[in-house]
Amino acid sequence: SFIMHETTPVYPDTLVWIRDYTFSYNEP
């Protein structure tokens, strides 16, 4: 009962460069 089971997506969120800075050109 003390064994915890987790499933986690591993690929980084590459869209953070655009999401964090709406009015910046970070597409590259």
mmCIF file of all heavy atoms, coordinates in Angstrom:
data_MODEL
# 
_entry.id   MODEL 
# 
loop_
_atom_site.group_PDB 
_atom_site.id 
_atom_site.type_symbol 
_atom_site.label_atom_id 
_atom_site.label_alt_id 
_atom_site.label_comp_id 
_atom_site.label_asym_id 
_atom_site.label_entity_id 
_atom_site.label_seq_id 
_atom_site.pdbx_PDB_ins_code 
_atom_site.Cartn_x 
_atom_site.Cartn_y 
_atom_site.Cartn_z 
_atom_site.occupancy 
_atom_site.B_iso_or_equiv 
_atom_site.pdbx_formal_charge 
_atom_site.auth_seq_id 
_atom_site.auth_comp_id 
_atom_site.auth_asym_id 
_atom_site.auth_atom_id 
_atom_site.pdbx_PDB_model_num 
ATOM 1   N N   . SER A 1 1  ? 0.824  -1.209 0.000   1.00 0.00 ? 1  SER A N   1 
ATOM 2   C CA  . SER A 1 1  ? 0.000  0.000  0.000   1.00 0.00 ? 1  SER A CA  1 
ATOM 3   C C   . SER A 1 1  ? 0.858  1.259  0.000   1.00 0.00 ? 1  SER A C   1 
ATOM 4   O O   . SER A 1 1  ? 0.394  2.335  -0.392  1.00 0.00 ? 1  SER A O   1 
ATOM 5   C CB  . SER A 1 1  ? -0.927 0.014  1.221   1.00 0.00 ? 1  SER A CB  1 
ATOM 6   O OG  . SER A 1 1  ? -1.832 -1.065 1.200   1.00 0.00 ? 1  SER A OG  1 
ATOM 7   N N   . PHE A 1 2  ? 2.100  1.138  0.452   1.00 0.00 ? 2  PHE A N   1 
ATOM 8   C CA  . PHE A 1 2  ? 2.980  2.302  0.516   1.00 0.00 ? 2  PHE A CA  1 
ATOM 9   C C   . PHE A 1 2  ? 3.772  2.516  -0.771  1.00 0.00 ? 2  PHE A C   1 
ATOM 10  O O   . PHE A 1 2  ? 4.569  3.438  -0.861  1.00 0.00 ? 2  PHE A O   1 
ATOM 11  C CB  . PHE A 1 2  ? 3.946  2.161  1.692   1.00 0.00 ? 2  PHE A CB  1 
ATOM 12  C CG  . PHE A 1 2  ? 3.248  1.963  3.015   1.00 0.00 ? 2  PHE A CG  1 
ATOM 13  C CD1 . PHE A 1 2  ? 3.384  0.782  3.724   1.00 0.00 ? 2  PHE A CD1 1 
ATOM 14  C CD2 . PHE A 1 2  ? 2.431  2.954  3.524   1.00 0.00 ? 2  PHE A CD2 1 
ATOM 15  C CE1 . PHE A 1 2  ? 2.731  0.591  4.929   1.00 0.00 ? 2  PHE A CE1 1 
ATOM 16  C CE2 . PHE A 1 2  ? 1.771  2.782  4.734   1.00 0.00 ? 2  PHE A CE2 1 
ATOM 17  C CZ  . PHE A 1 2  ? 1.915  1.596  5.442   1.00 0.00 ? 2  PHE A CZ  1 
ATOM 18  N N   . ILE A 1 3  ? 3.560  1.651  -1.760  1.00 0.00 ? 3  ILE A N   1 
ATOM 19  C CA  . ILE A 1 3  ? 4.223  1.804  -3.048  1.00 0.00 ? 3  ILE A CA  1 
ATOM 20  C C   . ILE A 1 3  ? 3.381  2.739  -3.917  1.00 0.00 ? 3  ILE A C   1 
ATOM 21  O O   . ILE A 1 3  ? 2.225  2.442  -4.226  1.00 0.00 ? 3  ILE A O   1 
ATOM 22  C CB  . ILE A 1 3  ? 4.416  0.452  -3.756  1.00 0.00 ? 3  ILE A CB  1 
ATOM 23  C CG1 . ILE A 1 3  ? 5.278  -0.479 -2.901  1.00 0.00 ? 3  ILE A CG1 1 
ATOM 24  C CG2 . ILE A 1 3  ? 5.051  0.652  -5.126  1.00 0.00 ? 3  ILE A CG2 1 
ATOM 25  C CD1 . ILE A 1 3  ? 5.435  -1.867 -3.482  1.00 0.00 ? 3  ILE A CD1 1 
ATOM 26  N N   . MET A 1 4  ? 3.957  3.864  -4.294  1.00 0.00 ? 4  MET A N   1 
ATOM 27  C CA  . MET A 1 4  ? 3.262  4.844  -5.119  1.00 0.00 ? 4  MET A CA  1 
ATOM 28  C C   . MET A 1 4  ? 3.594  4.610  -6.594  1.00 0.00 ? 4  MET A C   1 
ATOM 29  O O   . MET A 1 4  ? 4.736  4.290  -6.949  1.00 0.00 ? 4  MET A O   1 
ATOM 30  C CB  . MET A 1 4  ? 3.676  6.262  -4.736  1.00 0.00 ? 4  MET A CB  1 
ATOM 31  C CG  . MET A 1 4  ? 3.408  6.636  -3.282  1.00 0.00 ? 4  MET A CG  1 
ATOM 32  S SD  . MET A 1 4  ? 1.645  6.764  -2.899  1.00 0.00 ? 4  MET A SD  1 
ATOM 33  C CE  . MET A 1 4  ? 1.483  5.403  -1.716  1.00 0.00 ? 4  MET A CE  1 
ATOM 34  N N   . HIS A 1 5  ? 2.592  4.770  -7.437  1.00 0.00 ? 5  HIS A N   1 
ATOM 35  C CA  . HIS A 1 5  ? 2.750  4.570  -8.879  1.00 0.00 ? 5  HIS A CA  1 
ATOM 36  C C   . HIS A 1 5  ? 2.493  5.893  -9.592  1.00 0.00 ? 5  HIS A C   1 
ATOM 37  O O   . HIS A 1 5  ? 1.456  6.527  -9.373  1.00 0.00 ? 5  HIS A O   1 
ATOM 38  C CB  . HIS A 1 5  ? 1.769  3.501  -9.359  1.00 0.00 ? 5  HIS A CB  1 
ATOM 39  C CG  . HIS A 1 5  ? 1.723  3.343  -10.844 1.00 0.00 ? 5  HIS A CG  1 
ATOM 40  N ND1 . HIS A 1 5  ? 0.553  3.187  -11.555 1.00 0.00 ? 5  HIS A ND1 1 
ATOM 41  C CD2 . HIS A 1 5  ? 2.714  3.340  -11.769 1.00 0.00 ? 5  HIS A CD2 1 
ATOM 42  C CE1 . HIS A 1 5  ? 0.815  3.082  -12.838 1.00 0.00 ? 5  HIS A CE1 1 
ATOM 43  N NE2 . HIS A 1 5  ? 2.123  3.170  -12.994 1.00 0.00 ? 5  HIS A NE2 1 
ATOM 44  N N   . GLU A 1 6  ? 3.445  6.311  -10.419 1.00 0.00 ? 6  GLU A N   1 
ATOM 45  C CA  . GLU A 1 6  ? 3.279  7.560  -11.160 1.00 0.00 ? 6  GLU A CA  1 
ATOM 46  C C   . GLU A 1 6  ? 3.650  7.363  -12.624 1.00 0.00 ? 6  GLU A C   1 
ATOM 47  O O   . GLU A 1 6  ? 4.553  6.580  -12.951 1.00 0.00 ? 6  GLU A O   1 
ATOM 48  C CB  . GLU A 1 6  ? 4.140  8.674  -10.559 1.00 0.00 ? 6  GLU A CB  1 
ATOM 49  C CG  . GLU A 1 6  ? 3.687  9.112  -9.172  1.00 0.00 ? 6  GLU A CG  1 
ATOM 50  C CD  . GLU A 1 6  ? 4.341  10.406 -8.721  1.00 0.00 ? 6  GLU A CD  1 
ATOM 51  O OE1 . GLU A 1 6  ? 4.392  11.346 -9.544  1.00 0.00 ? 6  GLU A OE1 1 
ATOM 52  O OE2 . GLU A 1 6  ? 4.787  10.467 -7.561  1.00 0.00 ? 6  GLU A OE2 1 
ATOM 53  N N   . THR A 1 7  ? 2.966  8.096  -13.491 1.00 0.00 ? 7  THR A N   1 
ATOM 54  C CA  . THR A 1 7  ? 3.267  8.119  -14.915 1.00 0.00 ? 7  THR A CA  1 
ATOM 55  C C   . THR A 1 7  ? 3.423  9.578  -15.326 1.00 0.00 ? 7  THR A C   1 
ATOM 56  O O   . THR A 1 7  ? 2.493  10.370 -15.158 1.00 0.00 ? 7  THR A O   1 
ATOM 57  C CB  . THR A 1 7  ? 2.163  7.450  -15.743 1.00 0.00 ? 7  THR A CB  1 
ATOM 58  O OG1 . THR A 1 7  ? 2.001  6.091  -15.310 1.00 0.00 ? 7  THR A OG1 1 
ATOM 59  C CG2 . THR A 1 7  ? 2.503  7.467  -17.219 1.00 0.00 ? 7  THR A CG2 1 
ATOM 60  N N   . THR A 1 8  ? 4.592  9.932  -15.847 1.00 0.00 ? 8  THR A N   1 
ATOM 61  C CA  . THR A 1 8  ? 4.907  11.327 -16.139 1.00 0.00 ? 8  THR A CA  1 
ATOM 62  C C   . THR A 1 8  ? 5.334  11.502 -17.590 1.00 0.00 ? 8  THR A C   1 
ATOM 63  O O   . THR A 1 8  ? 6.251  10.807 -18.058 1.00 0.00 ? 8  THR A O   1 
ATOM 64  C CB  . THR A 1 8  ? 6.051  11.811 -15.225 1.00 0.00 ? 8  THR A CB  1 
ATOM 65  O OG1 . THR A 1 8  ? 5.680  11.606 -13.860 1.00 0.00 ? 8  THR A OG1 1 
ATOM 66  C CG2 . THR A 1 8  ? 6.352  13.284 -15.460 1.00 0.00 ? 8  THR A CG2 1 
ATOM 67  N N   . PRO A 1 9  ? 4.709  12.421 -18.328 1.00 0.00 ? 9  PRO A N   1 
ATOM 68  C CA  . PRO A 1 9  ? 5.219  12.766 -19.667 1.00 0.00 ? 9  PRO A CA  1 
ATOM 69  C C   . PRO A 1 9  ? 6.616  13.356 -19.524 1.00 0.00 ? 9  PRO A C   1 
ATOM 70  O O   . PRO A 1 9  ? 6.875  14.139 -18.607 1.00 0.00 ? 9  PRO A O   1 
ATOM 71  C CB  . PRO A 1 9  ? 4.217  13.814 -20.167 1.00 0.00 ? 9  PRO A CB  1 
ATOM 72  C CG  . PRO A 1 9  ? 3.003  13.643 -19.308 1.00 0.00 ? 9  PRO A CG  1 
ATOM 73  C CD  . PRO A 1 9  ? 3.498  13.174 -17.984 1.00 0.00 ? 9  PRO A CD  1 
ATOM 74  N N   . VAL A 1 10 ? 7.529  13.007 -20.406 1.00 0.00 ? 10 VAL A N   1 
ATOM 75  C CA  . VAL A 1 10 ? 8.928  13.400 -20.200 1.00 0.00 ? 10 VAL A CA  1 
ATOM 76  C C   . VAL A 1 10 ? 9.423  14.477 -21.158 1.00 0.00 ? 10 VAL A C   1 
ATOM 77  O O   . VAL A 1 10 ? 10.434 15.131 -20.876 1.00 0.00 ? 10 VAL A O   1 
ATOM 78  C CB  . VAL A 1 10 ? 9.859  12.166 -20.309 1.00 0.00 ? 10 VAL A CB  1 
ATOM 79  C CG1 . VAL A 1 10 ? 9.470  11.133 -19.259 1.00 0.00 ? 10 VAL A CG1 1 
ATOM 80  C CG2 . VAL A 1 10 ? 9.838  11.562 -21.700 1.00 0.00 ? 10 VAL A CG2 1 
ATOM 81  N N   . TYR A 1 11 ? 8.746  14.690 -22.271 1.00 0.00 ? 11 TYR A N   1 
ATOM 82  C CA  . TYR A 1 11 ? 9.278  15.636 -23.252 1.00 0.00 ? 11 TYR A CA  1 
ATOM 83  C C   . TYR A 1 11 ? 9.097  17.061 -22.751 1.00 0.00 ? 11 TYR A C   1 
ATOM 84  O O   . TYR A 1 11 ? 8.019  17.432 -22.288 1.00 0.00 ? 11 TYR A O   1 
ATOM 85  C CB  . TYR A 1 11 ? 8.579  15.476 -24.607 1.00 0.00 ? 11 TYR A CB  1 
ATOM 86  C CG  . TYR A 1 11 ? 9.391  16.004 -25.764 1.00 0.00 ? 11 TYR A CG  1 
ATOM 87  C CD1 . TYR A 1 11 ? 10.354 15.209 -26.367 1.00 0.00 ? 11 TYR A CD1 1 
ATOM 88  C CD2 . TYR A 1 11 ? 9.225  17.310 -26.233 1.00 0.00 ? 11 TYR A CD2 1 
ATOM 89  C CE1 . TYR A 1 11 ? 11.123 15.681 -27.427 1.00 0.00 ? 11 TYR A CE1 1 
ATOM 90  C CE2 . TYR A 1 11 ? 9.989  17.799 -27.282 1.00 0.00 ? 11 TYR A CE2 1 
ATOM 91  C CZ  . TYR A 1 11 ? 10.936 16.980 -27.875 1.00 0.00 ? 11 TYR A CZ  1 
ATOM 92  O OH  . TYR A 1 11 ? 11.704 17.462 -28.908 1.00 0.00 ? 11 TYR A OH  1 
ATOM 93  N N   . PRO A 1 12 ? 10.153 17.897 -22.814 1.00 0.00 ? 12 PRO A N   1 
ATOM 94  C CA  . PRO A 1 12 ? 10.025 19.276 -22.340 1.00 0.00 ? 12 PRO A CA  1 
ATOM 95  C C   . PRO A 1 12 ? 8.979  20.048 -23.135 1.00 0.00 ? 12 PRO A C   1 
ATOM 96  O O   . PRO A 1 12 ? 8.747  19.772 -24.323 1.00 0.00 ? 12 PRO A O   1 
ATOM 97  C CB  . PRO A 1 12 ? 11.423 19.866 -22.577 1.00 0.00 ? 12 PRO A CB  1 
ATOM 98  C CG  . PRO A 1 12 ? 12.332 18.696 -22.689 1.00 0.00 ? 12 PRO A CG  1 
ATOM 99  C CD  . PRO A 1 12 ? 11.512 17.586 -23.280 1.00 0.00 ? 12 PRO A CD  1 
ATOM 100 N N   . ASP A 1 13 ? 8.365  21.022 -22.494 1.00 0.00 ? 13 ASP A N   1 
ATOM 101 C CA  . ASP A 1 13 ? 7.398  21.891 -23.158 1.00 0.00 ? 13 ASP A CA  1 
ATOM 102 C C   . ASP A 1 13 ? 8.178  22.971 -23.904 1.00 0.00 ? 13 ASP A C   1 
ATOM 103 O O   . ASP A 1 13 ? 8.601  23.971 -23.327 1.00 0.00 ? 13 ASP A O   1 
ATOM 104 C CB  . ASP A 1 13 ? 6.464  22.515 -22.122 1.00 0.00 ? 13 ASP A CB  1 
ATOM 105 C CG  . ASP A 1 13 ? 5.361  23.343 -22.758 1.00 0.00 ? 13 ASP A CG  1 
ATOM 106 O OD1 . ASP A 1 13 ? 5.386  23.523 -23.996 1.00 0.00 ? 13 ASP A OD1 1 
ATOM 107 O OD2 . ASP A 1 13 ? 4.483  23.816 -22.022 1.00 0.00 ? 13 ASP A OD2 1 
ATOM 108 N N   . THR A 1 14 ? 8.381  22.775 -25.200 1.00 0.00 ? 14 THR A N   1 
ATOM 109 C CA  . THR A 1 14 ? 9.185  23.719 -25.981 1.00 0.00 ? 14 THR A CA  1 
ATOM 110 C C   . THR A 1 14 ? 8.438  25.021 -26.273 1.00 0.00 ? 14 THR A C   1 
ATOM 111 O O   . THR A 1 14 ? 9.055  26.001 -26.688 1.00 0.00 ? 14 THR A O   1 
ATOM 112 C CB  . THR A 1 14 ? 9.614  23.075 -27.311 1.00 0.00 ? 14 THR A CB  1 
ATOM 113 O OG1 . THR A 1 14 ? 8.450  22.651 -28.033 1.00 0.00 ? 14 THR A OG1 1 
ATOM 114 C CG2 . THR A 1 14 ? 10.506 21.865 -27.051 1.00 0.00 ? 14 THR A CG2 1 
ATOM 115 N N   . LEU A 1 15 ? 7.140  25.041 -26.043 1.00 0.00 ? 15 LEU A N   1 
ATOM 116 C CA  . LEU A 1 15 ? 6.356  26.252 -26.290 1.00 0.00 ? 15 LEU A CA  1 
ATOM 117 C C   . LEU A 1 15 ? 6.503  27.286 -25.176 1.00 0.00 ? 15 LEU A C   1 
ATOM 118 O O   . LEU A 1 15 ? 5.938  28.378 -25.275 1.00 0.00 ? 15 LEU A O   1 
ATOM 119 C CB  . LEU A 1 15 ? 4.879  25.890 -26.478 1.00 0.00 ? 15 LEU A CB  1 
ATOM 120 C CG  . LEU A 1 15 ? 4.544  25.131 -27.769 1.00 0.00 ? 15 LEU A CG  1 
ATOM 121 C CD1 . LEU A 1 15 ? 3.105  24.640 -27.724 1.00 0.00 ? 15 LEU A CD1 1 
ATOM 122 C CD2 . LEU A 1 15 ? 4.760  26.013 -28.989 1.00 0.00 ? 15 LEU A CD2 1 
ATOM 123 N N   . VAL A 1 16 ? 7.241  26.963 -24.120 1.00 0.00 ? 16 VAL A N   1 
ATOM 124 C CA  . VAL A 1 16 ? 7.391  27.920 -23.016 1.00 0.00 ? 16 VAL A CA  1 
ATOM 125 C C   . VAL A 1 16 ? 8.040  29.212 -23.484 1.00 0.00 ? 16 VAL A C   1 
ATOM 126 O O   . VAL A 1 16 ? 7.782  30.291 -22.932 1.00 0.00 ? 16 VAL A O   1 
ATOM 127 C CB  . VAL A 1 16 ? 8.201  27.312 -21.855 1.00 0.00 ? 16 VAL A CB  1 
ATOM 128 C CG1 . VAL A 1 16 ? 7.423  26.200 -21.181 1.00 0.00 ? 16 VAL A CG1 1 
ATOM 129 C CG2 . VAL A 1 16 ? 9.570  26.831 -22.328 1.00 0.00 ? 16 VAL A CG2 1 
ATOM 130 N N   . TRP A 1 17 ? 8.895  29.116 -24.498 1.00 0.00 ? 17 TRP A N   1 
ATOM 131 C CA  . TRP A 1 17 ? 9.581  30.316 -24.986 1.00 0.00 ? 17 TRP A CA  1 
ATOM 132 C C   . TRP A 1 17 ? 8.593  31.331 -25.553 1.00 0.00 ? 17 TRP A C   1 
ATOM 133 O O   . TRP A 1 17 ? 8.840  32.545 -25.504 1.00 0.00 ? 17 TRP A O   1 
ATOM 134 C CB  . TRP A 1 17 ? 10.614 29.947 -26.042 1.00 0.00 ? 17 TRP A CB  1 
ATOM 135 C CG  . TRP A 1 17 ? 11.774 29.186 -25.492 1.00 0.00 ? 17 TRP A CG  1 
ATOM 136 C CD1 . TRP A 1 17 ? 12.013 27.844 -25.602 1.00 0.00 ? 17 TRP A CD1 1 
ATOM 137 C CD2 . TRP A 1 17 ? 12.859 29.722 -24.722 1.00 0.00 ? 17 TRP A CD2 1 
ATOM 138 N NE1 . TRP A 1 17 ? 13.172 27.502 -24.958 1.00 0.00 ? 17 TRP A NE1 1 
ATOM 139 C CE2 . TRP A 1 17 ? 13.728 28.637 -24.410 1.00 0.00 ? 17 TRP A CE2 1 
ATOM 140 C CE3 . TRP A 1 17 ? 13.193 30.995 -24.273 1.00 0.00 ? 17 TRP A CE3 1 
ATOM 141 C CZ2 . TRP A 1 17 ? 14.889 28.804 -23.669 1.00 0.00 ? 17 TRP A CZ2 1 
ATOM 142 C CZ3 . TRP A 1 17 ? 14.353 31.165 -23.533 1.00 0.00 ? 17 TRP A CZ3 1 
ATOM 143 C CH2 . TRP A 1 17 ? 15.190 30.084 -23.237 1.00 0.00 ? 17 TRP A CH2 1 
ATOM 144 N N   . ILE A 1 18 ? 7.487  30.860 -26.090 1.00 0.00 ? 18 ILE A N   1 
ATOM 145 C CA  . ILE A 1 18 ? 6.459  31.762 -26.614 1.00 0.00 ? 18 ILE A CA  1 
ATOM 146 C C   . ILE A 1 18 ? 5.432  32.086 -25.547 1.00 0.00 ? 18 ILE A C   1 
ATOM 147 O O   . ILE A 1 18 ? 5.011  33.231 -25.384 1.00 0.00 ? 18 ILE A O   1 
ATOM 148 C CB  . ILE A 1 18 ? 5.774  31.120 -27.844 1.00 0.00 ? 18 ILE A CB  1 
ATOM 149 C CG1 . ILE A 1 18 ? 6.798  30.923 -28.967 1.00 0.00 ? 18 ILE A CG1 1 
ATOM 150 C CG2 . ILE A 1 18 ? 4.605  31.976 -28.321 1.00 0.00 ? 18 ILE A CG2 1 
ATOM 151 C CD1 . ILE A 1 18 ? 6.245  30.198 -30.172 1.00 0.00 ? 18 ILE A CD1 1 
ATOM 152 N N   . ARG A 1 19 ? 5.048  31.081 -24.764 1.00 0.00 ? 19 ARG A N   1 
ATOM 153 C CA  . ARG A 1 19 ? 4.007  31.272 -23.746 1.00 0.00 ? 19 ARG A CA  1 
ATOM 154 C C   . ARG A 1 19 ? 4.452  32.260 -22.666 1.00 0.00 ? 19 ARG A C   1 
ATOM 155 O O   . ARG A 1 19 ? 3.661  33.068 -22.186 1.00 0.00 ? 19 ARG A O   1 
ATOM 156 C CB  . ARG A 1 19 ? 3.654  29.923 -23.112 1.00 0.00 ? 19 ARG A CB  1 
ATOM 157 C CG  . ARG A 1 19 ? 2.510  29.987 -22.105 1.00 0.00 ? 19 ARG A CG  1 
ATOM 158 C CD  . ARG A 1 19 ? 2.215  28.631 -21.497 1.00 0.00 ? 19 ARG A CD  1 
ATOM 159 N NE  . ARG A 1 19 ? 1.873  27.648 -22.515 1.00 0.00 ? 19 ARG A NE  1 
ATOM 160 C CZ  . ARG A 1 19 ? 2.638  26.607 -22.820 1.00 0.00 ? 19 ARG A CZ  1 
ATOM 161 N NH1 . ARG A 1 19 ? 3.793  26.422 -22.183 1.00 0.00 ? 19 ARG A NH1 1 
ATOM 162 N NH2 . ARG A 1 19 ? 2.274  25.755 -23.747 1.00 0.00 ? 19 ARG A NH2 1 
ATOM 163 N N   . ASP A 1 20 ? 5.714  32.199 -22.265 1.00 0.00 ? 20 ASP A N   1 
ATOM 164 C CA  . ASP A 1 20 ? 6.198  33.064 -21.190 1.00 0.00 ? 20 ASP A CA  1 
ATOM 165 C C   . ASP A 1 20 ? 6.340  34.521 -21.623 1.00 0.00 ? 20 ASP A C   1 
ATOM 166 O O   . ASP A 1 20 ? 6.322  35.424 -20.780 1.00 0.00 ? 20 ASP A O   1 
ATOM 167 C CB  . ASP A 1 20 ? 7.559  32.563 -20.678 1.00 0.00 ? 20 ASP A CB  1 
ATOM 168 C CG  . ASP A 1 20 ? 7.449  31.256 -19.916 1.00 0.00 ? 20 ASP A CG  1 
ATOM 169 O OD1 . ASP A 1 20 ? 6.325  30.869 -19.568 1.00 0.00 ? 20 ASP A OD1 1 
ATOM 170 O OD2 . ASP A 1 20 ? 8.495  30.615 -19.671 1.00 0.00 ? 20 ASP A OD2 1 
ATOM 171 N N   . TYR A 1 21 ? 6.464  34.744 -22.946 1.00 0.00 ? 21 TYR A N   1 
ATOM 172 C CA  . TYR A 1 21 ? 6.707  36.103 -23.444 1.00 0.00 ? 21 TYR A CA  1 
ATOM 173 C C   . TYR A 1 21 ? 5.827  36.354 -24.664 1.00 0.00 ? 21 TYR A C   1 
ATOM 174 O O   . TYR A 1 21 ? 6.251  36.151 -25.800 1.00 0.00 ? 21 TYR A O   1 
ATOM 175 C CB  . TYR A 1 21 ? 8.193  36.292 -23.782 1.00 0.00 ? 21 TYR A CB  1 
ATOM 176 C CG  . TYR A 1 21 ? 9.082  35.946 -22.618 1.00 0.00 ? 21 TYR A CG  1 
ATOM 177 C CD1 . TYR A 1 21 ? 9.678  34.696 -22.527 1.00 0.00 ? 21 TYR A CD1 1 
ATOM 178 C CD2 . TYR A 1 21 ? 9.276  36.849 -21.580 1.00 0.00 ? 21 TYR A CD2 1 
ATOM 179 C CE1 . TYR A 1 21 ? 10.463 34.362 -21.441 1.00 0.00 ? 21 TYR A CE1 1 
ATOM 180 C CE2 . TYR A 1 21 ? 10.057 36.524 -20.485 1.00 0.00 ? 21 TYR A CE2 1 
ATOM 181 C CZ  . TYR A 1 21 ? 10.646 35.286 -20.421 1.00 0.00 ? 21 TYR A CZ  1 
ATOM 182 O OH  . TYR A 1 21 ? 11.413 34.945 -19.336 1.00 0.00 ? 21 TYR A OH  1 
ATOM 183 N N   . THR A 1 22 ? 4.634  36.791 -24.410 1.00 0.00 ? 22 THR A N   1 
ATOM 184 C CA  . THR A 1 22 ? 3.639  36.934 -25.473 1.00 0.00 ? 22 THR A CA  1 
ATOM 185 C C   . THR A 1 22 ? 4.101  37.872 -26.579 1.00 0.00 ? 22 THR A C   1 
ATOM 186 O O   . THR A 1 22 ? 3.911  37.596 -27.761 1.00 0.00 ? 22 THR A O   1 
ATOM 187 C CB  . THR A 1 22 ? 2.315  37.447 -24.881 1.00 0.00 ? 22 THR A CB  1 
ATOM 188 O OG1 . THR A 1 22 ? 1.892  36.565 -23.843 1.00 0.00 ? 22 THR A OG1 1 
ATOM 189 C CG2 . THR A 1 22 ? 1.243  37.518 -25.948 1.00 0.00 ? 22 THR A CG2 1 
ATOM 190 N N   . PHE A 1 23 ? 4.715  38.978 -26.213 1.00 0.00 ? 23 PHE A N   1 
ATOM 191 C CA  . PHE A 1 23 ? 5.092  39.973 -27.213 1.00 0.00 ? 23 PHE A CA  1 
ATOM 192 C C   . PHE A 1 23 ? 6.587  39.945 -27.512 1.00 0.00 ? 23 PHE A C   1 
ATOM 193 O O   . PHE A 1 23 ? 7.250  40.977 -27.589 1.00 0.00 ? 23 PHE A O   1 
ATOM 194 C CB  . PHE A 1 23 ? 4.650  41.363 -26.743 1.00 0.00 ? 23 PHE A CB  1 
ATOM 195 C CG  . PHE A 1 23 ? 3.161  41.477 -26.554 1.00 0.00 ? 23 PHE A CG  1 
ATOM 196 C CD1 . PHE A 1 23 ? 2.614  41.504 -25.283 1.00 0.00 ? 23 PHE A CD1 1 
ATOM 197 C CD2 . PHE A 1 23 ? 2.309  41.499 -27.642 1.00 0.00 ? 23 PHE A CD2 1 
ATOM 198 C CE1 . PHE A 1 23 ? 1.244  41.576 -25.097 1.00 0.00 ? 23 PHE A CE1 1 
ATOM 199 C CE2 . PHE A 1 23 ? 0.933  41.578 -27.469 1.00 0.00 ? 23 PHE A CE2 1 
ATOM 200 C CZ  . PHE A 1 23 ? 0.399  41.608 -26.198 1.00 0.00 ? 23 PHE A CZ  1 
ATOM 201 N N   . SER A 1 24 ? 7.126  38.732 -27.633 1.00 0.00 ? 24 SER A N   1 
ATOM 202 C CA  . SER A 1 24 ? 8.527  38.536 -28.013 1.00 0.00 ? 24 SER A CA  1 
ATOM 203 C C   . SER A 1 24 ? 8.591  37.522 -29.156 1.00 0.00 ? 24 SER A C   1 
ATOM 204 O O   . SER A 1 24 ? 7.726  36.643 -29.267 1.00 0.00 ? 24 SER A O   1 
ATOM 205 C CB  . SER A 1 24 ? 9.348  38.007 -26.833 1.00 0.00 ? 24 SER A CB  1 
ATOM 206 O OG  . SER A 1 24 ? 9.381  38.925 -25.770 1.00 0.00 ? 24 SER A OG  1 
ATOM 207 N N   . TYR A 1 25 ? 9.631  37.651 -29.982 1.00 0.00 ? 25 TYR A N   1 
ATOM 208 C CA  . TYR A 1 25 ? 9.815  36.702 -31.074 1.00 0.00 ? 25 TYR A CA  1 
ATOM 209 C C   . TYR A 1 25 ? 10.780 35.614 -30.613 1.00 0.00 ? 25 TYR A C   1 
ATOM 210 O O   . TYR A 1 25 ? 12.000 35.781 -30.652 1.00 0.00 ? 25 TYR A O   1 
ATOM 211 C CB  . TYR A 1 25 ? 10.370 37.389 -32.323 1.00 0.00 ? 25 TYR A CB  1 
ATOM 212 C CG  . TYR A 1 25 ? 10.626 36.425 -33.460 1.00 0.00 ? 25 TYR A CG  1 
ATOM 213 C CD1 . TYR A 1 25 ? 9.557  35.782 -34.094 1.00 0.00 ? 25 TYR A CD1 1 
ATOM 214 C CD2 . TYR A 1 25 ? 11.918 36.129 -33.874 1.00 0.00 ? 25 TYR A CD2 1 
ATOM 215 C CE1 . TYR A 1 25 ? 9.784  34.882 -35.123 1.00 0.00 ? 25 TYR A CE1 1 
ATOM 216 C CE2 . TYR A 1 25 ? 12.156 35.229 -34.896 1.00 0.00 ? 25 TYR A CE2 1 
ATOM 217 C CZ  . TYR A 1 25 ? 11.085 34.606 -35.510 1.00 0.00 ? 25 TYR A CZ  1 
ATOM 218 O OH  . TYR A 1 25 ? 11.307 33.713 -36.528 1.00 0.00 ? 25 TYR A OH  1 
ATOM 219 N N   . ASN A 1 26 ? 10.223 34.493 -30.164 1.00 0.00 ? 26 ASN A N   1 
ATOM 220 C CA  . ASN A 1 26 ? 11.027 33.390 -29.648 1.00 0.00 ? 26 ASN A CA  1 
ATOM 221 C C   . ASN A 1 26 ? 10.791 32.086 -30.387 1.00 0.00 ? 26 ASN A C   1 
ATOM 222 O O   . ASN A 1 26 ? 11.140 31.008 -29.898 1.00 0.00 ? 26 ASN A O   1 
ATOM 223 C CB  . ASN A 1 26 ? 10.745 33.186 -28.155 1.00 0.00 ? 26 ASN A CB  1 
ATOM 224 C CG  . ASN A 1 26 ? 11.342 34.295 -27.310 1.00 0.00 ? 26 ASN A CG  1 
ATOM 225 O OD1 . ASN A 1 26 ? 12.356 34.877 -27.670 1.00 0.00 ? 26 ASN A OD1 1 
ATOM 226 N ND2 . ASN A 1 26 ? 10.703 34.602 -26.188 1.00 0.00 ? 26 ASN A ND2 1 
ATOM 227 N N   . GLU A 1 27 ? 10.202 32.173 -31.588 1.00 0.00 ? 27 GLU A N   1 
ATOM 228 C CA  . GLU A 1 27 ? 9.960  30.954 -32.366 1.00 0.00 ? 27 GLU A CA  1 
ATOM 229 C C   . GLU A 1 27 ? 11.225 30.145 -32.640 1.00 0.00 ? 27 GLU A C   1 
ATOM 230 O O   . GLU A 1 27 ? 11.189 28.898 -32.587 1.00 0.00 ? 27 GLU A O   1 
ATOM 231 C CB  . GLU A 1 27 ? 9.264  31.319 -33.683 1.00 0.00 ? 27 GLU A CB  1 
ATOM 232 C CG  . GLU A 1 27 ? 7.764  31.488 -33.581 1.00 0.00 ? 27 GLU A CG  1 
ATOM 233 C CD  . GLU A 1 27 ? 7.357  32.835 -32.956 1.00 0.00 ? 27 GLU A CD  1 
ATOM 234 O OE1 . GLU A 1 27 ? 8.250  33.586 -32.493 1.00 0.00 ? 27 GLU A OE1 1 
ATOM 235 O OE2 . GLU A 1 27 ? 6.150  33.132 -32.931 1.00 0.00 ? 27 GLU A OE2 1 
ATOM 236 N N   . PRO A 1 28 ? 12.369 30.777 -32.932 1.00 0.00 ? 28 PRO A N   1 
ATOM 237 C CA  . PRO A 1 28 ? 13.588 29.964 -33.155 1.00 0.00 ? 28 PRO A CA  1 
ATOM 238 C C   . PRO A 1 28 ? 13.948 29.098 -31.950 1.00 0.00 ? 28 PRO A C   1 
ATOM 239 O O   . PRO A 1 28 ? 14.388 27.953 -32.112 1.00 0.00 ? 28 PRO A O   1 
ATOM 240 C CB  . PRO A 1 28 ? 14.659 31.027 -33.424 1.00 0.00 ? 28 PRO A CB  1 
ATOM 241 C CG  . PRO A 1 28 ? 13.900 32.181 -33.987 1.00 0.00 ? 28 PRO A CG  1 
ATOM 242 C CD  . PRO A 1 28 ? 12.609 32.200 -33.227 1.00 0.00 ? 28 PRO A CD  1 
# 
